[in-house]
C-alpha atoms as a PDB file:
ATOM      1  CA  UNK A   1       0.000   0.000   0.000  1.00  0.00           C
ATOM      2  CA  UNK A   2       1.411   3.405  -0.919  1.00  0.00           C
ATOM      3  CA  UNK A   3       2.259   5.898   1.837  1.00  0.00           C
ATOM      4  CA  UNK A   4      -0.534   8.383   0.968  1.00  0.00           C
ATOM      5  CA  UNK A   5      -3.173   5.632   1.102  1.00  0.00           C
ATOM      6  CA  UNK A   6      -1.703   4.333   4.362  1.00  0.00           C
ATOM      7  CA  UNK A   7      -2.051   7.835   5.826  1.00  0.00           C
ATOM      8  CA  UNK A   8      -5.708   7.930   4.712  1.00  0.00           C
ATOM      9  CA  UNK A   9      -6.245   4.577   6.415  1.00  0.00           C
ATOM     10  CA  UNK A  10      -4.665   5.830   9.648  1.00  0.00           C
ATOM     11  CA  UNK A  11      -6.777   9.001   9.605  1.00  0.00           C
ATOM     12  CA  UNK A  12      -9.959   7.006   9.041  1.00  0.00           C
ATOM     13  CA  UNK A  13      -9.147   4.756  11.999  1.00  0.00           C
ATOM     14  CA  UNK A  14      -8.143   7.730  14.163  1.00  0.00           C
ATOM     15  CA  UNK A  15     -11.547   9.313  13.532  1.00  0.00           C
ATOM     16  CA  UNK A  16     -13.532   6.083  13.957  1.00  0.00           C
ATOM     17  CA  UNK A  17     -11.833   2.982  15.332  1.00  0.00           C
ATOM     18  CA  UNK A  18     -15.059   0.993  14.894  1.00  0.00           C
ATOM     19  CA  UNK A  19     -14.695   0.890  11.101  1.00  0.00           C
ATOM     20  CA  UNK A  20     -14.494  -2.685   9.846  1.00  0.00           C
ATOM     21  CA  UNK A  21     -11.938  -3.854   7.285  1.00  0.00           C
ATOM     22  CA  UNK A  22     -14.756  -4.217   4.746  1.00  0.00           C
ATOM     23  CA  UNK A  23     -15.816  -0.586   5.243  1.00  0.00           C
ATOM     24  CA  UNK A  24     -12.224   0.653   5.079  1.00  0.00           C
ATOM     25  CA  UNK A  25     -11.670  -1.267   1.836  1.00  0.00           C
ATOM     26  CA  UNK A  26     -14.695   0.422   0.235  1.00  0.00           C
ATOM     27  CA  UNK A  27     -13.662   3.870   1.498  1.00  0.00           C
ATOM     28  CA  UNK A  28     -10.106   3.415   0.195  1.00  0.00           C
ATOM     29  CA  UNK A  29     -11.156   1.557  -2.983  1.00  0.00           C
ATOM     30  CA  UNK A  30      -8.819  -1.321  -2.150  1.00  0.00           C
ATOM     31  CA  UNK A  31      -9.179  -5.090  -1.758  1.00  0.00           C
ATOM     32  CA  UNK A  32     -10.085  -6.227   1.769  1.00  0.00           C
ATOM     33  CA  UNK A  33      -6.986  -8.447   1.965  1.00  0.00           C
ATOM     34  CA  UNK A  34      -4.693  -5.477   1.284  1.00  0.00           C
ATOM     35  CA  UNK A  35      -6.368  -3.413   3.998  1.00  0.00           C
ATOM     36  CA  UNK A  36      -6.287  -6.310   6.488  1.00  0.00           C
ATOM     37  CA  UNK A  37      -2.565  -6.946   5.794  1.00  0.00           C
ATOM     38  CA  UNK A  38      -1.751  -3.251   6.185  1.00  0.00           C
ATOM     39  CA  UNK A  39      -3.654  -2.964   9.474  1.00  0.00           C
ATOM     40  CA  UNK A  40      -1.921  -6.098  10.781  1.00  0.00           C
ATOM     41  CA  UNK A  41       1.487  -4.724   9.764  1.00  0.00           C
ATOM     42  CA  UNK A  42       0.788  -1.325  11.382  1.00  0.00           C
ATOM     43  CA  UNK A  43      -0.336  -3.046  14.588  1.00  0.00           C
ATOM     44  CA  UNK A  44       2.787  -5.254  14.650  1.00  0.00           C
ATOM     45  CA  UNK A  45       4.998  -2.175  14.158  1.00  0.00           C
ATOM     46  CA  UNK A  46       3.153  -0.393  17.003  1.00  0.00           C
ATOM     47  CA  UNK A  47       2.108   2.415  14.688  1.00  0.00           C
ATOM     48  CA  UNK A  48      -1.464   1.490  15.576  1.00  0.00           C
ATOM     49  CA  UNK A  49      -1.056   1.182  19.345  1.00  0.00           C
ATOM     50  CA  UNK A  50      -4.641   0.438  20.335  1.00  0.00           C
ATOM     51  CA  UNK A  51      -8.276   1.213  19.734  1.00  0.00           C
ATOM     52  CA  UNK A  52      -9.909   3.525  22.256  1.00  0.00           C
ATOM     53  CA  UNK A  53     -13.296   4.996  22.904  1.00  0.00           C
ATOM     54  CA  UNK A  54     -13.303   8.673  23.861  1.00  0.00           C
ATOM     55  CA  UNK A  55     -15.768   9.146  26.722  1.00  0.00           C
ATOM     56  CA  UNK A  56     -16.968  12.404  28.226  1.00  0.00           C
ATOM     57  CA  UNK A  57     -16.388  11.297  31.822  1.00  0.00           C
ATOM     58  CA  UNK A  58     -17.875  14.551  33.137  1.00  0.00           C
ATOM     59  CA  UNK A  59     -21.282  13.222  32.103  1.00  0.00           C
ATOM     60  CA  UNK A  60     -20.689   9.942  33.934  1.00  0.00           C
ATOM     61  CA  UNK A  61     -18.878  11.114  37.091  1.00  0.00           C
ATOM     62  CA  UNK A  62     -19.226  14.880  37.313  1.00  0.00           C
ATOM     63  CA  UNK A  63     -17.328  14.915  40.609  1.00  0.00           C
ATOM     64  CA  UNK A  64     -14.100  13.451  39.132  1.00  0.00           C
ATOM     65  CA  UNK A  65     -11.081  15.740  38.979  1.00  0.00           C
ATOM     66  CA  UNK A  66      -8.399  16.075  36.313  1.00  0.00           C
ATOM     67  CA  UNK A  67      -5.161  17.953  36.887  1.00  0.00           C
ATOM     68  CA  UNK A  68      -2.188  18.802  34.710  1.00  0.00           C
ATOM     69  CA  UNK A  69       0.988  18.586  36.772  1.00  0.00           C
ATOM     70  CA  UNK A  70       4.252  20.125  35.643  1.00  0.00           C
ATOM     71  CA  UNK A  71       7.333  18.370  37.006  1.00  0.00           C
ATOM     72  CA  UNK A  72      10.842  19.764  37.085  1.00  0.00           C
ATOM     73  CA  UNK A  73      13.280  16.913  37.598  1.00  0.00           C
ATOM     74  CA  UNK A  74      16.967  16.102  37.854  1.00  0.00           C
ATOM     75  CA  UNK A  75      17.440  12.807  36.013  1.00  0.00           C
ATOM     76  CA  UNK A  76      20.112  10.431  37.324  1.00  0.00           C
ATOM     77  CA  UNK A  77      22.391   8.354  35.122  1.00  0.00           C
ATOM     78  CA  UNK A  78      22.363   7.750  31.372  1.00  0.00           C
ATOM     79  CA  UNK A  79      18.710   6.701  31.108  1.00  0.00           C
ATOM     80  CA  UNK A  80      17.429   9.125  33.728  1.00  0.00           C
ATOM     81  CA  UNK A  81      14.383  10.423  31.868  1.00  0.00           C
ATOM     82  CA  UNK A  82      13.395   6.945  30.678  1.00  0.00           C
ATOM     83  CA  UNK A  83      13.654   5.360  34.128  1.00  0.00           C
ATOM     84  CA  UNK A  84      11.833   8.264  35.736  1.00  0.00           C
ATOM     85  CA  UNK A  85       9.088   8.187  33.096  1.00  0.00           C
ATOM     86  CA  UNK A  86       8.607   4.467  33.717  1.00  0.00           C
ATOM     87  CA  UNK A  87       8.339   5.042  37.477  1.00  0.00           C
ATOM     88  CA  UNK A  88       5.798   7.875  37.066  1.00  0.00           C
ATOM     89  CA  UNK A  89       3.711   6.097  34.419  1.00  0.00           C
ATOM     90  CA  UNK A  90       3.267   3.069  36.695  1.00  0.00           C
ATOM     91  CA  UNK A  91       1.018   5.030  39.075  1.00  0.00           C
ATOM     92  CA  UNK A  92      -2.640   4.239  38.284  1.00  0.00           C
ATOM     93  CA  UNK A  93      -3.590   7.890  38.851  1.00  0.00           C
ATOM     94  CA  UNK A  94      -1.376   8.943  35.924  1.00  0.00           C
ATOM     95  CA  UNK A  95      -3.417   9.111  32.741  1.00  0.00           C
ATOM     96  CA  UNK A  96      -0.892  10.724  30.380  1.00  0.00           C
ATOM     97  CA  UNK A  97       2.816  11.531  30.629  1.00  0.00           C
ATOM     98  CA  UNK A  98       4.908  13.679  28.285  1.00  0.00           C
ATOM     99  CA  UNK A  99       8.574  14.668  28.295  1.00  0.00           C
ATOM    100  CA  UNK A 100       8.559  18.379  27.444  1.00  0.00           C
ATOM    101  CA  UNK A 101      10.915  21.114  26.348  1.00  0.00           C
ATOM    102  CA  UNK A 102      10.809  24.452  28.115  1.00  0.00           C
ATOM    103  CA  UNK A 103      10.379  25.484  31.739  1.00  0.00           C
ATOM    104  CA  UNK A 104       9.535  22.005  33.054  1.00  0.00           C
ATOM    105  CA  UNK A 105      10.503  18.461  32.113  1.00  0.00           C
ATOM    106  CA  UNK A 106       7.334  16.356  32.374  1.00  0.00           C
ATOM    107  CA  UNK A 107       3.652  17.116  31.929  1.00  0.00           C
ATOM    108  CA  UNK A 108       1.509  14.595  33.794  1.00  0.00           C
ATOM    109  CA  UNK A 109      -2.271  14.266  33.519  1.00  0.00           C
ATOM    110  CA  UNK A 110      -3.632  12.955  36.822  1.00  0.00           C
ATOM    111  CA  UNK A 111      -7.196  11.823  37.514  1.00  0.00           C
ATOM    112  CA  UNK A 112      -8.880  11.334  40.868  1.00  0.00           C
ATOM    113  CA  UNK A 113     -12.195  11.449  42.699  1.00  0.00           C
ATOM    114  CA  UNK A 114     -11.585  14.741  44.538  1.00  0.00           C
ATOM    115  CA  UNK A 115      -9.191  17.692  44.568  1.00  0.00           C
ATOM    116  CA  UNK A 116      -7.873  16.441  47.898  1.00  0.00           C
ATOM    117  CA  UNK A 117      -7.180  12.971  46.480  1.00  0.00           C
ATOM    118  CA  UNK A 118      -5.242  14.432  43.546  1.00  0.00           C
ATOM    119  CA  UNK A 119      -3.395  16.866  45.823  1.00  0.00           C
ATOM    120  CA  UNK A 120      -2.377  14.070  48.193  1.00  0.00           C
ATOM    121  CA  UNK A 121      -1.161  11.985  45.246  1.00  0.00           C
ATOM    122  CA  UNK A 122       0.933  14.871  43.879  1.00  0.00           C
ATOM    123  CA  UNK A 123       2.416  15.800  47.265  1.00  0.00           C
ATOM    124  CA  UNK A 124       2.784  12.259  48.609  1.00  0.00           C
ATOM    125  CA  UNK A 125       3.822  10.294  45.519  1.00  0.00           C
ATOM    126  CA  UNK A 126       5.078  12.563  42.728  1.00  0.00           C
ATOM    127  CA  UNK A 127       6.801  15.242  44.825  1.00  0.00           C
ATOM    128  CA  UNK A 128       8.432  12.599  47.022  1.00  0.00           C
ATOM    129  CA  UNK A 129      10.345  11.040  44.111  1.00  0.00           C
ATOM    130  CA  UNK A 130      13.987  11.999  44.790  1.00  0.00           C
ATOM    131  CA  UNK A 131      14.601  13.295  41.234  1.00  0.00           C
ATOM    132  CA  UNK A 132      11.593  15.666  41.362  1.00  0.00           C
ATOM    133  CA  UNK A 133      12.694  19.237  42.122  1.00  0.00           C
ATOM    134  CA  UNK A 134       9.271  20.890  41.980  1.00  0.00           C
ATOM    135  CA  UNK A 135       5.666  20.419  40.944  1.00  0.00           C
ATOM    136  CA  UNK A 136       3.027  22.832  39.693  1.00  0.00           C
ATOM    137  CA  UNK A 137      -0.538  21.551  39.629  1.00  0.00           C
ATOM    138  CA  UNK A 138      -3.291  22.976  37.411  1.00  0.00           C
ATOM    139  CA  UNK A 139      -6.811  21.666  37.997  1.00  0.00           C
ATOM    140  CA  UNK A 140      -9.048  21.581  34.925  1.00  0.00           C
ATOM    141  CA  UNK A 141     -12.311  23.446  35.236  1.00  0.00           C
ATOM    142  CA  UNK A 142     -14.026  22.706  31.924  1.00  0.00           C
ATOM    143  CA  UNK A 143     -13.004  20.428  29.072  1.00  0.00           C
ATOM    144  CA  UNK A 144     -13.978  21.894  25.702  1.00  0.00           C
ATOM    145  CA  UNK A 145     -12.073  19.639  23.317  1.00  0.00           C
ATOM    146  CA  UNK A 146     -10.029  16.437  23.595  1.00  0.00           C
ATOM    147  CA  UNK A 147      -8.303  14.475  20.832  1.00  0.00           C
ATOM    148  CA  UNK A 148     -10.077  16.560  18.180  1.00  0.00           C
ATOM    149  CA  UNK A 149     -13.562  16.076  19.638  1.00  0.00           C
ATOM    150  CA  UNK A 150     -15.526  19.060  20.969  1.00  0.00           C
ATOM    151  CA  UNK A 151     -17.375  18.358  24.218  1.00  0.00           C
ATOM    152  CA  UNK A 152     -19.660  21.364  24.358  1.00  0.00           C
ATOM    153  CA  UNK A 153     -22.950  20.791  22.541  1.00  0.00           C
ATOM    154  CA  UNK A 154     -24.651  23.098  20.092  1.00  0.00           C
ATOM    155  CA  UNK A 155     -27.721  24.833  21.479  1.00  0.00           C
ATOM    156  CA  UNK A 156     -29.666  24.460  18.250  1.00  0.00           C
ATOM    157  CA  UNK A 157     -30.107  20.680  18.159  1.00  0.00           C
ATOM    158  CA  UNK A 158     -28.269  19.340  21.207  1.00  0.00           C
ATOM    159  CA  UNK A 159     -25.896  17.093  19.235  1.00  0.00           C
ATOM    160  CA  UNK A 160     -22.223  16.843  20.185  1.00  0.00           C
ATOM    161  CA  UNK A 161     -19.869  18.733  17.881  1.00  0.00           C
ATOM    162  CA  UNK A 162     -17.224  16.606  16.212  1.00  0.00           C
ATOM    163  CA  UNK A 163     -14.486  18.402  14.328  1.00  0.00           C
ATOM    164  CA  UNK A 164     -12.832  16.805  11.288  1.00  0.00           C
END
């Protein structure tokens, strides 16, 4: 499969992971076997890393709390960032972890039931890691868009906005 068609396939799956191979083949005007082989190859290469459903958790548990935590760290040894990232990502409260450029080293998305629970996790677990110099915690107030999907509904018909 040519690179441009492969990119179209990836974009289709990124927008709707529920698409079946048969549907993808029709949309790409390709044989089903070629699409199936390409998907299998992309999964094996960890280019396709999983299939997820994006859920507006605020509608399910409106009391849940999400925080973005900036970490400034002093990595130790040759694989300092990698080892530290592995340690941080193993906490179940950690939803997302990025190594960043700029004023801080890691950006961590933390989820919890209450502000106190998240605060205790940051102060008791993250800040207590010896390599962590400082933390700055930002609690989210309203989520408007995540992974390309708008979460605020239109007033005209009440349907959720989905951006291309």
